[in-house]
Amino acid sequence: MKNFTLVAATLLAAALSAGCAQHSHVEDHFGESQRTLKAQQIANPDAGNEVKVVEGMNSATARDVTATYHSRQAEQPTVREDSTLLDIIGSEN
């Protein structure tokens, strides 16, 4: 009986190791999805090779825009304590 158990354990170990040694098809395409999504997000792949003047706003305009944005964010609307959310939404229209 001891020999049977040893033979069965050896066969089981051999079968399990043979199953692990097989080639996985997942490895063939590993990372393909990420590479495809990254490539789809690039609008112009040759943009680094082009020498063009940058279009946009100058630093003074950018400073004014951010100052306006931050000052408007600091201003919080006042809400009466006795009004409900539906009253507030209705009064904005």
N, C-alpha and C. Protein backbone atom coordinates (compact mmCIF):
# COMPACT_ATOMS: atom_id res chain seq x y z
N MET A 1 0.81 -1.18 0.00
CA MET A 1 0.00 0.00 0.00
C MET A 1 0.86 1.26 0.00
N LYS A 2 2.02 1.15 0.68
CA LYS A 2 2.92 2.29 0.73
C LYS A 2 3.46 2.60 -0.66
N ASN A 3 3.78 1.57 -1.44
CA ASN A 3 4.27 1.78 -2.80
C ASN A 3 3.20 2.41 -3.68
N PHE A 4 1.95 2.01 -3.49
CA PHE A 4 0.84 2.57 -4.28
C PHE A 4 0.70 4.07 -4.00
N THR A 5 0.80 4.47 -2.74
CA THR A 5 0.69 5.87 -2.37
C THR A 5 1.83 6.69 -2.96
N LEU A 6 3.04 6.12 -2.94
CA LEU A 6 4.21 6.80 -3.50
C LEU A 6 4.05 6.96 -5.01
N VAL A 7 3.58 5.91 -5.69
CA VAL A 7 3.39 5.97 -7.14
C VAL A 7 2.28 6.97 -7.48
N ALA A 8 1.20 6.98 -6.73
CA ALA A 8 0.10 7.90 -6.98
C ALA A 8 0.54 9.34 -6.76
N ALA A 9 1.31 9.59 -5.73
CA ALA A 9 1.80 10.95 -5.46
C ALA A 9 2.75 11.41 -6.56
N THR A 10 3.59 10.49 -7.04
CA THR A 10 4.53 10.82 -8.12
C THR A 10 3.78 11.14 -9.41
N LEU A 11 2.76 10.33 -9.73
CA LEU A 11 1.97 10.58 -10.93
C LEU A 11 1.20 11.89 -10.84
N LEU A 12 0.68 12.18 -9.66
CA LEU A 12 -0.05 13.43 -9.46
C LEU A 12 0.89 14.62 -9.62
N ALA A 13 2.06 14.55 -9.05
CA ALA A 13 3.04 15.64 -9.17
C ALA A 13 3.46 15.82 -10.62
N ALA A 14 3.65 14.71 -11.35
CA ALA A 14 4.04 14.79 -12.75
C ALA A 14 2.92 15.42 -13.59
N ALA A 15 1.68 15.06 -13.31
CA ALA A 15 0.55 15.61 -14.06
C ALA A 15 0.39 17.11 -13.79
N LEU A 16 0.55 17.51 -12.55
CA LEU A 16 0.43 18.92 -12.22
C LEU A 16 1.55 19.75 -12.84
N SER A 17 2.76 19.24 -12.80
CA SER A 17 3.88 19.99 -13.39
C SER A 17 3.77 20.04 -14.91
N ALA A 18 3.21 19.01 -15.53
CA ALA A 18 3.02 19.03 -16.98
C ALA A 18 1.95 20.06 -17.35
N GLY A 19 0.94 20.22 -16.52
CA GLY A 19 -0.09 21.22 -16.78
C GLY A 19 0.44 22.63 -16.66
N CYS A 20 1.39 22.85 -15.78
CA CYS A 20 1.97 24.17 -15.60
C CYS A 20 2.97 24.51 -16.70
N ALA A 21 3.49 23.52 -17.36
CA ALA A 21 4.51 23.74 -18.36
C ALA A 21 3.93 24.12 -19.71
N GLN A 22 2.64 24.02 -19.88
CA GLN A 22 2.03 24.35 -21.16
C GLN A 22 2.12 25.85 -21.41
N HIS A 23 2.16 26.22 -22.70
CA HIS A 23 2.25 27.62 -23.10
C HIS A 23 0.89 28.29 -22.94
N SER A 24 0.89 29.45 -22.34
CA SER A 24 -0.36 30.19 -22.13
C SER A 24 -0.55 31.19 -23.26
N HIS A 25 -1.73 31.21 -23.84
CA HIS A 25 -2.02 32.15 -24.91
C HIS A 25 -2.22 33.56 -24.38
N VAL A 26 -2.43 33.68 -23.07
CA VAL A 26 -2.55 35.01 -22.47
C VAL A 26 -1.22 35.76 -22.62
N GLU A 27 -0.12 35.05 -22.49
CA GLU A 27 1.19 35.69 -22.59
C GLU A 27 1.46 36.21 -24.00
N ASP A 28 0.85 35.63 -25.01
CA ASP A 28 1.07 36.08 -26.38
C ASP A 28 0.59 37.52 -26.59
N HIS A 29 -0.47 37.91 -25.90
CA HIS A 29 -1.07 39.22 -26.10
C HIS A 29 -1.00 40.09 -24.85
N PHE A 30 -0.10 39.75 -23.93
CA PHE A 30 0.00 40.50 -22.68
C PHE A 30 0.43 41.94 -22.95
N GLY A 31 -0.32 42.91 -22.46
CA GLY A 31 0.00 44.32 -22.63
C GLY A 31 -0.50 44.92 -23.93
N GLU A 32 -1.07 44.11 -24.79
CA GLU A 32 -1.52 44.60 -26.09
C GLU A 32 -2.64 45.63 -25.93
N SER A 33 -3.55 45.40 -25.02
CA SER A 33 -4.67 46.31 -24.79
C SER A 33 -4.16 47.66 -24.31
N GLN A 34 -3.22 47.66 -23.39
CA GLN A 34 -2.68 48.91 -22.87
C GLN A 34 -1.95 49.67 -23.97
N ARG A 35 -1.17 49.00 -24.78
CA ARG A 35 -0.44 49.66 -25.87
C ARG A 35 -1.42 50.23 -26.90
N THR A 36 -2.50 49.52 -27.19
CA THR A 36 -3.50 49.99 -28.14
C THR A 36 -4.20 51.24 -27.63
N LEU A 37 -4.61 51.22 -26.36
CA LEU A 37 -5.28 52.38 -25.77
C LEU A 37 -4.35 53.59 -25.73
N LYS A 38 -3.09 53.38 -25.43
CA LYS A 38 -2.14 54.48 -25.39
C LYS A 38 -1.96 55.07 -26.79
N ALA A 39 -1.86 54.23 -27.80
CA ALA A 39 -1.70 54.71 -29.17
C ALA A 39 -2.93 55.47 -29.64
N GLN A 40 -4.12 55.07 -29.19
CA GLN A 40 -5.35 55.75 -29.60
C GLN A 40 -5.48 57.13 -28.96
N GLN A 41 -4.77 57.38 -27.87
CA GLN A 41 -4.87 58.66 -27.18
C GLN A 41 -3.89 59.69 -27.73
N ILE A 42 -3.02 59.29 -28.62
CA ILE A 42 -2.04 60.21 -29.19
C ILE A 42 -2.64 60.80 -30.47
N ALA A 43 -2.91 62.11 -30.46
CA ALA A 43 -3.56 62.75 -31.59
C ALA A 43 -2.63 62.84 -32.80
N ASN A 44 -1.38 63.21 -32.56
CA ASN A 44 -0.44 63.35 -33.66
C ASN A 44 0.89 62.73 -33.23
N PRO A 45 1.17 61.52 -33.66
CA PRO A 45 2.40 60.85 -33.22
C PRO A 45 3.68 61.55 -33.67
N ASP A 46 3.61 62.33 -34.74
CA ASP A 46 4.80 63.02 -35.25
C ASP A 46 4.92 64.45 -34.74
N ALA A 47 4.19 64.79 -33.72
CA ALA A 47 4.18 66.17 -33.23
C ALA A 47 5.55 66.61 -32.73
N GLY A 48 6.34 65.73 -32.18
CA GLY A 48 7.65 66.10 -31.68
C GLY A 48 8.64 66.43 -32.78
N ASN A 49 8.37 65.98 -33.99
CA ASN A 49 9.28 66.24 -35.10
C ASN A 49 8.97 67.54 -35.81
N GLU A 50 7.84 68.14 -35.54
CA GLU A 50 7.43 69.38 -36.19
C GLU A 50 7.95 70.58 -35.40
N VAL A 51 8.41 71.60 -36.12
CA VAL A 51 8.84 72.84 -35.48
C VAL A 51 7.79 73.89 -35.82
N LYS A 52 6.90 74.16 -34.88
CA LYS A 52 5.83 75.12 -35.08
C LYS A 52 5.78 76.06 -33.89
N VAL A 53 5.27 77.25 -34.13
CA VAL A 53 5.08 78.21 -33.06
C VAL A 53 3.92 77.72 -32.19
N VAL A 54 4.11 77.82 -30.90
CA VAL A 54 3.08 77.39 -29.97
C VAL A 54 1.96 78.41 -29.97
N GLU A 55 0.74 77.95 -30.10
CA GLU A 55 -0.41 78.83 -30.08
C GLU A 55 -1.07 78.73 -28.72
N GLY A 56 -1.52 79.83 -28.22
CA GLY A 56 -2.18 79.85 -26.92
C GLY A 56 -2.10 81.22 -26.32
N MET A 57 -2.27 81.33 -25.01
CA MET A 57 -2.24 82.64 -24.39
C MET A 57 -0.87 82.93 -23.80
N ASN A 58 -0.58 84.21 -23.69
CA ASN A 58 0.69 84.60 -23.10
C ASN A 58 0.58 84.54 -21.57
N SER A 59 1.65 84.80 -20.90
CA SER A 59 1.67 84.62 -19.44
C SER A 59 0.76 85.61 -18.72
N ALA A 60 0.66 86.84 -19.23
CA ALA A 60 -0.18 87.84 -18.57
C ALA A 60 -1.66 87.43 -18.67
N THR A 61 -2.07 86.95 -19.82
CA THR A 61 -3.46 86.51 -19.99
C THR A 61 -3.74 85.29 -19.12
N ALA A 62 -2.81 84.37 -19.07
CA ALA A 62 -2.99 83.17 -18.25
C ALA A 62 -3.11 83.54 -16.78
N ARG A 63 -2.31 84.51 -16.33
CA ARG A 63 -2.37 84.97 -14.95
C ARG A 63 -3.73 85.58 -14.65
N ASP A 64 -4.24 86.41 -15.57
CA ASP A 64 -5.55 87.04 -15.37
C ASP A 64 -6.67 86.00 -15.33
N VAL A 65 -6.59 85.01 -16.19
CA VAL A 65 -7.62 83.97 -16.22
C VAL A 65 -7.62 83.19 -14.91
N THR A 66 -6.44 82.80 -14.43
CA THR A 66 -6.40 82.03 -13.18
C THR A 66 -6.82 82.88 -11.98
N ALA A 67 -6.48 84.18 -12.00
CA ALA A 67 -6.91 85.05 -10.90
C ALA A 67 -8.43 85.17 -10.88
N THR A 68 -9.04 85.31 -12.05
CA THR A 68 -10.49 85.39 -12.13
C THR A 68 -11.12 84.08 -11.66
N TYR A 69 -10.55 82.97 -12.09
CA TYR A 69 -11.08 81.67 -11.69
C TYR A 69 -11.04 81.51 -10.17
N HIS A 70 -9.90 81.83 -9.56
CA HIS A 70 -9.76 81.65 -8.12
C HIS A 70 -10.65 82.61 -7.34
N SER A 71 -10.82 83.84 -7.84
CA SER A 71 -11.69 84.78 -7.12
C SER A 71 -13.15 84.34 -7.19
N ARG A 72 -13.55 83.76 -8.31
CA ARG A 72 -14.93 83.28 -8.42
C ARG A 72 -15.15 82.02 -7.59
N GLN A 73 -14.12 81.22 -7.42
CA GLN A 73 -14.24 80.03 -6.58
C GLN A 73 -14.37 80.42 -5.11
N ALA A 74 -13.76 81.55 -4.74
CA ALA A 74 -13.83 81.99 -3.34
C ALA A 74 -15.21 82.51 -2.99
N GLU A 75 -15.93 83.03 -3.99
CA GLU A 75 -17.27 83.55 -3.76
C GLU A 75 -18.25 82.38 -3.67
N GLN A 76 -18.80 82.17 -2.50
CA GLN A 76 -19.76 81.10 -2.30
C GLN A 76 -21.16 81.68 -2.29
N PRO A 77 -22.11 81.04 -2.92
CA PRO A 77 -23.48 81.56 -2.91
C PRO A 77 -24.07 81.50 -1.50
N THR A 78 -24.87 82.47 -1.19
CA THR A 78 -25.51 82.49 0.12
C THR A 78 -26.85 81.75 0.03
N VAL A 79 -27.12 80.95 1.01
CA VAL A 79 -28.34 80.15 1.05
C VAL A 79 -29.08 80.49 2.32
N ARG A 80 -30.36 80.80 2.16
CA ARG A 80 -31.17 81.06 3.34
C ARG A 80 -31.41 79.74 4.09
N GLU A 81 -31.44 79.81 5.38
CA GLU A 81 -31.61 78.61 6.20
C GLU A 81 -33.01 78.02 6.07
N ASP A 82 -34.02 78.85 5.77
CA ASP A 82 -35.39 78.35 5.71
C ASP A 82 -35.79 77.84 4.34
N SER A 83 -34.91 77.94 3.35
CA SER A 83 -35.27 77.50 2.00
C SER A 83 -34.82 76.05 1.77
N THR A 84 -35.56 75.38 0.93
CA THR A 84 -35.21 74.00 0.58
C THR A 84 -34.42 74.01 -0.72
N LEU A 85 -33.87 72.89 -1.06
CA LEU A 85 -33.08 72.77 -2.29
C LEU A 85 -33.94 73.06 -3.51
N LEU A 86 -35.17 72.61 -3.51
CA LEU A 86 -36.06 72.86 -4.65
C LEU A 86 -36.38 74.34 -4.78
N ASP A 87 -36.50 75.07 -3.67
CA ASP A 87 -36.73 76.51 -3.73
C ASP A 87 -35.52 77.23 -4.34
N ILE A 88 -34.33 76.79 -3.99
CA ILE A 88 -33.11 77.41 -4.49
C ILE A 88 -32.98 77.17 -5.99
N ILE A 89 -33.23 75.95 -6.42
CA ILE A 89 -33.13 75.62 -7.84
C ILE A 89 -34.18 76.38 -8.63
N GLY A 90 -35.37 76.47 -8.12
CA GLY A 90 -36.45 77.18 -8.80
C GLY A 90 -36.19 78.67 -8.92
N SER A 91 -35.50 79.25 -7.97
CA SER A 91 -35.25 80.70 -8.00
C SER A 91 -34.15 81.06 -8.98
N GLU A 92 -33.30 80.10 -9.39
CA GLU A 92 -32.23 80.37 -10.34
C GLU A 92 -32.74 80.50 -11.75
N ASN A 93 -33.88 79.94 -12.07
CA ASN A 93 -34.43 80.01 -13.42
C ASN A 93 -35.18 81.25 -13.57
